[in-house]
């Protein structure tokens, strides 16, 4: 088995169905399996997919312990040399998987790989290729609309959308890496319930001298936001995840950056909270 595709589902049965159908259509010339783990969705309609896709494995979690925990559980069940963490609200669009894995096989110190993503309107999603958050690019992302075309910018706008290039961070919506390496570094950090765990994983790989890659020759559709309700609960999880990352990597090693980043996150969190409260009144 060359590839295990891991999908964590929560309440998005229709999107998951489209995702699974795209895998059937586009993953060719690769020995693969699909492991879907449902994170105790209130909507149990996902169970019908078992008969629609009998060749895929479905696991039902008894409680929702978060995205990281669910992925780690599913990876332990996987049999492939490579694992692909794939969001249920994505759809594959090409038959590049064989080439992608061939590319990964040829790379020394291969860490992980992501592809070009766009939304339903065809707009490129800049989180497809990113830098590790620091004091400067985080300010750019949190408080300005300026997107610099430099290697230090949060979104790597200096890299063309269809390029193949080393980057710091790719997204967990499509994240390919070797299973043995995933397990060796401990998988996704389970302190993150949702959001931030992909940045942490990529940064961990960089610290251990592995190389992360953006593969812009392949693209996926990401129905960004359609599986997430942007409410106060979402905000608390998102900014809470960013704070976990900042505390973990900057509090002791770079206290000045930690102070700056923490203050920036709290301010931006408060601004976004006020926006939601105003719209709900």
Protein backbone atom coordinates (compact mmCIF):
# COMPACT_ATOMS: atom_id res chain seq x y z
CA UNK A 1 0.00 0.00 0.00
CA UNK A 2 1.57 3.25 -1.14
CA UNK A 3 -0.96 5.81 0.10
CA UNK A 4 -3.51 6.15 2.89
CA UNK A 5 -5.91 9.08 2.53
CA UNK A 6 -7.14 10.24 5.93
CA UNK A 7 -10.34 12.30 6.17
CA UNK A 8 -11.87 13.65 9.39
CA UNK A 9 -15.57 14.33 8.94
CA UNK A 10 -17.88 16.46 11.04
CA UNK A 11 -21.40 17.21 9.85
CA UNK A 12 -20.57 17.70 6.14
CA UNK A 13 -21.95 14.55 4.51
CA UNK A 14 -22.67 16.11 1.10
CA UNK A 15 -19.21 17.66 0.87
CA UNK A 16 -17.63 14.41 2.03
CA UNK A 17 -19.50 12.49 -0.68
CA UNK A 18 -18.10 14.80 -3.36
CA UNK A 19 -14.62 14.47 -1.87
CA UNK A 20 -14.76 10.67 -1.93
CA UNK A 21 -16.11 10.64 -5.49
CA UNK A 22 -13.21 12.86 -6.59
CA UNK A 23 -10.74 10.43 -5.04
CA UNK A 24 -12.32 7.55 -6.95
CA UNK A 25 -12.12 9.53 -10.17
CA UNK A 26 -8.65 11.04 -9.97
CA UNK A 27 -6.36 8.79 -7.88
CA UNK A 28 -4.89 6.53 -10.53
CA UNK A 29 -1.87 4.23 -10.80
CA UNK A 30 -1.38 4.37 -7.02
CA UNK A 31 -2.20 1.58 -4.56
CA UNK A 32 -4.28 3.46 -1.99
CA UNK A 33 -6.87 3.22 0.74
CA UNK A 34 -9.22 5.78 2.25
CA UNK A 35 -9.85 5.99 6.00
CA UNK A 36 -12.73 8.26 7.04
CA UNK A 37 -13.15 9.02 10.71
CA UNK A 38 -16.34 10.77 11.78
CA UNK A 39 -15.89 12.97 14.84
CA UNK A 40 -19.22 12.08 16.45
CA UNK A 41 -21.30 14.23 14.09
CA UNK A 42 -24.83 15.11 15.33
CA UNK A 43 -25.90 14.40 11.73
CA UNK A 44 -25.56 10.64 11.26
CA UNK A 45 -26.22 10.72 7.51
CA UNK A 46 -22.50 10.04 6.89
CA UNK A 47 -23.22 6.38 7.69
CA UNK A 48 -25.05 6.04 4.37
CA UNK A 49 -21.73 6.60 2.62
CA UNK A 50 -20.57 3.20 3.84
CA UNK A 51 -22.78 1.54 1.24
CA UNK A 52 -22.00 4.14 -1.45
CA UNK A 53 -18.23 3.64 -1.01
CA UNK A 54 -17.86 0.06 0.28
CA UNK A 55 -14.17 -0.08 -0.62
CA UNK A 56 -13.36 2.73 1.85
CA UNK A 57 -12.95 2.32 5.60
CA UNK A 58 -15.21 4.29 7.95
CA UNK A 59 -14.61 4.80 11.67
CA UNK A 60 -17.12 6.39 14.03
CA UNK A 61 -15.61 8.19 17.02
CA UNK A 62 -17.68 8.06 20.20
CA UNK A 63 -16.88 11.68 21.05
CA UNK A 64 -15.39 14.71 19.35
CA UNK A 65 -11.89 15.14 20.75
CA UNK A 66 -10.75 17.48 18.00
CA UNK A 67 -9.15 17.39 14.57
CA UNK A 68 -5.66 16.42 15.75
CA UNK A 69 -6.81 13.51 17.90
CA UNK A 70 -9.02 12.13 15.13
CA UNK A 71 -6.24 12.29 12.51
CA UNK A 72 -3.77 10.60 14.85
CA UNK A 73 -6.25 7.79 15.51
CA UNK A 74 -6.88 7.25 11.81
CA UNK A 75 -3.19 7.31 10.92
CA UNK A 76 -2.55 4.50 13.39
CA UNK A 77 -5.09 2.44 11.39
CA UNK A 78 -3.46 3.32 8.06
CA UNK A 79 -1.41 0.85 6.04
CA UNK A 80 0.17 3.15 3.46
CA UNK A 81 3.78 4.25 3.17
CA UNK A 82 2.47 7.79 2.73
CA UNK A 83 -0.48 9.41 4.44
CA UNK A 84 -2.51 12.26 2.98
CA UNK A 85 -4.49 14.36 5.46
CA UNK A 86 -7.40 15.63 3.38
CA UNK A 87 -10.31 17.86 4.40
CA UNK A 88 -13.81 16.56 3.65
CA UNK A 89 -14.69 19.93 2.07
CA UNK A 90 -12.10 19.51 -0.68
CA UNK A 91 -12.26 17.89 -4.11
CA UNK A 92 -9.35 16.56 -6.16
CA UNK A 93 -9.25 17.96 -9.69
CA UNK A 94 -6.50 16.12 -11.52
CA UNK A 95 -4.66 12.83 -11.77
CA UNK A 96 -1.34 14.17 -10.44
CA UNK A 97 -1.18 11.93 -7.34
CA UNK A 98 1.15 9.45 -9.05
CA UNK A 99 3.51 12.30 -10.02
CA UNK A 100 3.25 13.91 -6.59
CA UNK A 101 4.29 10.74 -4.81
CA UNK A 102 7.08 10.19 -7.35
CA UNK A 103 8.31 13.70 -6.60
CA UNK A 104 8.19 13.02 -2.85
CA UNK A 105 10.09 9.76 -3.31
CA UNK A 106 12.94 11.65 -4.98
CA UNK A 107 13.37 14.33 -2.32
CA UNK A 108 16.07 13.97 0.34
CA UNK A 109 14.81 14.81 3.84
CA UNK A 110 11.22 14.97 2.61
CA UNK A 111 8.97 16.49 5.24
CA UNK A 112 5.51 17.22 3.86
CA UNK A 113 3.81 18.53 0.73
CA UNK A 114 0.77 20.62 -0.16
CA UNK A 115 -0.85 21.68 -3.42
CA UNK A 116 -2.49 24.73 -4.97
CA UNK A 117 -5.95 25.40 -3.55
CA UNK A 118 -8.76 27.58 -4.83
CA UNK A 119 -12.30 28.30 -3.64
CA UNK A 120 -15.61 27.66 -5.43
CA UNK A 121 -15.28 30.98 -7.29
CA UNK A 122 -11.86 30.02 -8.60
CA UNK A 123 -9.93 32.39 -6.34
CA UNK A 124 -6.51 31.15 -5.28
CA UNK A 125 -6.22 30.50 -1.55
CA UNK A 126 -2.96 32.07 -0.31
CA UNK A 127 -2.71 29.74 2.68
CA UNK A 128 -1.58 27.10 0.18
CA UNK A 129 2.00 28.35 0.81
CA UNK A 130 3.05 30.19 3.94
CA UNK A 131 5.91 31.20 6.20
CA UNK A 132 6.22 30.36 9.88
CA UNK A 133 4.48 33.13 11.88
CA UNK A 134 6.88 35.67 13.36
CA UNK A 135 6.64 39.20 14.75
CA UNK A 136 6.77 40.89 11.35
CA UNK A 137 4.69 38.74 9.02
CA UNK A 138 2.05 38.21 11.73
CA UNK A 139 1.56 41.97 11.99
CA UNK A 140 1.20 42.05 8.20
CA UNK A 141 -1.48 39.34 8.32
CA UNK A 142 -3.38 40.57 11.38
CA UNK A 143 -3.49 44.31 10.79
CA UNK A 144 -2.81 45.19 7.14
CA UNK A 145 -4.14 44.28 3.72
CA UNK A 146 -0.64 44.47 2.27
CA UNK A 147 0.69 41.19 0.89
CA UNK A 148 4.40 41.52 0.27
CA UNK A 149 6.11 39.60 -2.50
CA UNK A 150 9.01 38.41 -0.37
CA UNK A 151 10.10 35.14 1.14
CA UNK A 152 9.50 36.63 4.59
CA UNK A 153 5.84 37.50 4.02
CA UNK A 154 3.25 35.34 5.78
CA UNK A 155 1.77 34.26 2.45
CA UNK A 156 4.59 33.37 0.08
CA UNK A 157 3.49 35.66 -2.73
CA UNK A 158 7.00 35.57 -4.17
CA UNK A 159 6.28 31.99 -5.32
CA UNK A 160 4.10 31.58 -8.41
CA UNK A 161 0.84 29.70 -7.95
CA UNK A 162 1.87 26.92 -10.34
CA UNK A 163 5.45 26.61 -9.09
CA UNK A 164 7.13 23.78 -7.22
CA UNK A 165 9.14 25.23 -4.34
CA UNK A 166 10.28 24.74 -0.78
CA UNK A 167 8.10 26.56 1.74
CA UNK A 168 7.82 26.64 5.52
CA UNK A 169 4.15 25.87 5.99
CA UNK A 170 1.42 24.20 3.95
CA UNK A 171 -2.17 23.60 4.98
CA UNK A 172 -3.69 20.61 6.71
CA UNK A 173 -6.50 20.59 4.13
CA UNK A 174 -4.07 18.62 1.90
CA UNK A 175 -0.92 17.43 3.65
CA UNK A 176 1.16 14.54 2.35
CA UNK A 177 3.96 12.93 4.33
CA UNK A 178 5.40 9.53 5.13
CA UNK A 179 3.54 7.63 7.83
CA UNK A 180 6.74 6.57 9.62
CA UNK A 181 7.87 10.20 9.87
CA UNK A 182 4.45 11.32 11.04
CA UNK A 183 4.55 8.79 13.86
CA UNK A 184 8.23 9.50 14.62
CA UNK A 185 7.54 13.18 15.37
CA UNK A 186 4.38 12.37 17.32
CA UNK A 187 1.76 13.26 14.72
CA UNK A 188 -0.40 16.33 15.19
CA UNK A 189 -0.06 18.00 18.59
CA UNK A 190 -3.27 17.10 20.41
CA UNK A 191 -3.24 20.31 22.47
CA UNK A 192 -4.82 21.89 19.39
CA UNK A 193 -8.53 21.08 19.16
CA UNK A 194 -8.87 22.65 15.72
CA UNK A 195 -6.68 25.07 13.72
CA UNK A 196 -2.95 25.65 14.12
CA UNK A 197 -1.93 22.00 14.22
CA UNK A 198 -0.77 22.09 10.59
CA UNK A 199 1.51 25.08 11.26
CA UNK A 200 2.92 23.31 14.31
CA UNK A 201 3.56 20.09 12.37
CA UNK A 202 5.33 21.93 9.55
CA UNK A 203 7.46 23.94 11.97
CA UNK A 204 8.41 20.76 13.84
CA UNK A 205 9.60 19.23 10.56
CA UNK A 206 11.67 22.33 9.76
CA UNK A 207 13.31 22.22 13.18
CA UNK A 208 14.33 18.62 12.51
CA UNK A 209 15.86 19.61 9.14
CA UNK A 210 13.15 18.17 6.92
CA UNK A 211 11.99 20.05 3.83
CA UNK A 212 8.39 21.06 3.15
CA UNK A 213 7.14 21.53 -0.38
CA UNK A 214 4.48 23.44 -2.27
CA UNK A 215 3.48 21.56 -5.44
CA UNK A 216 1.61 24.04 -7.59
CA UNK A 217 1.27 21.74 -10.61
CA UNK A 218 -1.71 20.10 -8.91
CA UNK A 219 -4.81 21.82 -7.58
CA UNK A 220 -7.81 21.07 -5.40
CA UNK A 221 -11.10 22.82 -4.83
CA UNK A 222 -11.52 23.83 -1.20
CA UNK A 223 -15.01 24.88 -0.20
CA UNK A 224 -13.40 27.16 2.36
CA UNK A 225 -15.70 28.26 5.14
CA UNK A 226 -18.66 26.15 4.05
CA UNK A 227 -17.94 23.57 6.74
CA UNK A 228 -17.22 26.15 9.45
CA UNK A 229 -19.62 28.47 11.23
CA UNK A 230 -17.85 31.78 11.87
CA UNK A 231 -19.17 32.44 15.37
CA UNK A 232 -17.65 33.26 18.76
CA UNK A 233 -16.87 29.59 19.35
CA UNK A 234 -14.90 29.49 16.09
CA UNK A 235 -13.01 32.67 17.00
CA UNK A 236 -12.08 31.33 20.42
CA UNK A 237 -10.75 28.11 18.90
CA UNK A 238 -8.87 29.86 16.11
CA UNK A 239 -7.14 32.50 18.22
CA UNK A 240 -6.69 30.01 21.03
CA UNK A 241 -4.80 27.75 18.63
CA UNK A 242 -2.57 30.60 17.53
CA UNK A 243 -1.82 31.38 21.18
CA UNK A 244 -0.84 27.76 21.81
CA UNK A 245 1.67 27.99 18.95
CA UNK A 246 3.09 31.32 20.16
CA UNK A 247 3.43 30.05 23.74
CA UNK A 248 5.04 26.79 22.62
CA UNK A 249 7.73 28.26 20.38
CA UNK A 250 8.31 31.85 21.48
CA UNK A 251 7.60 32.21 25.20
CA UNK A 252 10.98 30.89 26.35
CA UNK A 253 13.14 31.22 23.24
CA UNK A 254 12.00 34.67 22.04
CA UNK A 255 10.20 36.51 24.84
CA UNK A 256 10.00 39.86 23.00
CA UNK A 257 8.34 38.26 19.98
CA UNK A 258 6.07 36.32 22.34
CA UNK A 259 4.94 39.54 24.01
CA UNK A 260 4.30 41.25 20.67
CA UNK A 261 2.50 38.30 19.08
CA UNK A 262 0.34 37.65 22.16
CA UNK A 263 -0.74 41.28 22.29
CA UNK A 264 -1.51 41.30 18.56
CA UNK A 265 -3.57 38.12 18.79
CA UNK A 266 -5.60 39.44 21.72
CA UNK A 267 -6.28 42.73 19.96
CA UNK A 268 -7.32 41.08 16.70
CA UNK A 269 -9.46 38.56 18.60
CA UNK A 270 -11.27 41.41 20.38
CA UNK A 271 -11.86 43.24 17.07
CA UNK A 272 -13.35 40.14 15.45
CA UNK A 273 -15.51 39.40 18.51
CA UNK A 274 -16.97 42.92 18.37
CA UNK A 275 -17.77 42.49 14.66
CA UNK A 276 -19.74 39.30 15.31
CA UNK A 277 -21.57 40.82 18.28
CA UNK A 278 -22.57 43.89 16.23
CA UNK A 279 -23.90 41.74 13.40
CA UNK A 280 -25.89 39.56 15.82
CA UNK A 281 -27.65 42.58 17.42
